[in-house]
Amino acid sequence: MMQNVGSVDRAIRIIAGLILIGLAATGKIGVWGYIGVVPLATGLIGWCPAYLPFGIKTCKTK
């Protein structure tokens, strides 16, 4: 898999994912907060399958 998520995009995804999971774990929001696993995973991996059909890449290519 080639990376298609840039560094700023990755940081935003990781932070948003952690916030959502944290809010769900503390009961501030419902179990739907665990959907934060998706942006967290795509941020850690650096690859987003939703970008493929649109040809989007937020990372610099060499």
Protein backbone atom coordinates (compact mmCIF):
# COMPACT_ATOMS: atom_id res chain seq x y z
CA MET A 1 0.00 0.00 0.00
CA MET A 2 1.27 3.40 -0.91
CA GLN A 3 0.60 6.15 1.58
CA ASN A 4 -2.00 8.68 0.55
CA VAL A 5 -2.40 10.57 3.85
CA GLY A 6 -0.01 13.45 4.56
CA SER A 7 1.55 14.37 7.88
CA VAL A 8 -0.91 17.13 8.84
CA ASP A 9 -3.85 14.97 7.80
CA ARG A 10 -2.44 12.07 9.82
CA ALA A 11 -2.03 14.21 12.94
CA ILE A 12 -5.59 15.51 12.69
CA ARG A 13 -6.95 11.99 12.21
CA ILE A 14 -5.00 10.61 15.18
CA ILE A 15 -6.05 13.44 17.49
CA ALA A 16 -9.71 13.27 16.41
CA GLY A 17 -9.76 9.50 16.80
CA LEU A 18 -8.27 9.63 20.28
CA ILE A 19 -10.71 12.34 21.36
CA LEU A 20 -13.72 10.38 20.07
CA ILE A 21 -12.57 7.16 21.73
CA GLY A 22 -11.83 9.00 24.98
CA LEU A 23 -15.26 10.64 25.02
CA ALA A 24 -16.96 7.32 24.34
CA ALA A 25 -14.93 5.55 27.03
CA THR A 26 -15.87 8.16 29.65
CA GLY A 27 -19.53 8.11 28.69
CA LYS A 28 -19.66 11.72 27.44
CA ILE A 29 -20.96 10.52 24.09
CA GLY A 30 -22.56 7.23 23.19
CA VAL A 31 -20.97 4.10 21.83
CA TRP A 32 -20.92 5.77 18.39
CA GLY A 33 -17.81 7.56 19.64
CA TYR A 34 -15.89 4.35 19.10
CA ILE A 35 -16.10 5.13 15.40
CA GLY A 36 -12.95 7.11 16.27
CA VAL A 37 -11.10 3.86 15.67
CA VAL A 38 -11.41 4.49 11.92
CA PRO A 39 -9.61 7.87 11.77
CA LEU A 40 -7.11 6.63 14.35
CA ALA A 41 -6.27 3.56 12.26
CA THR A 42 -6.04 5.46 8.97
CA GLY A 43 -3.86 8.07 10.65
CA LEU A 44 -1.50 5.49 12.09
CA ILE A 45 -1.30 3.49 8.87
CA GLY A 46 -1.09 6.54 6.60
CA TRP A 47 -3.50 5.09 4.06
CA CYS A 48 -7.18 5.92 3.59
CA PRO A 49 -9.30 3.65 1.37
CA ALA A 50 -11.89 6.41 0.90
CA TYR A 51 -9.30 8.51 -0.96
CA LEU A 52 -8.74 5.82 -3.63
CA PRO A 53 -11.85 6.31 -5.81
CA PHE A 54 -11.29 10.06 -5.90
CA GLY A 55 -7.53 9.93 -6.48
CA ILE A 56 -6.86 12.14 -3.47
CA LYS A 57 -3.39 12.24 -1.94
CA THR A 58 -2.52 14.65 0.87
CA CYS A 59 1.06 13.44 1.14
CA LYS A 60 3.98 14.63 -0.92
CA THR A 61 5.05 12.14 -3.54
CA LYS A 62 8.63 11.70 -4.65
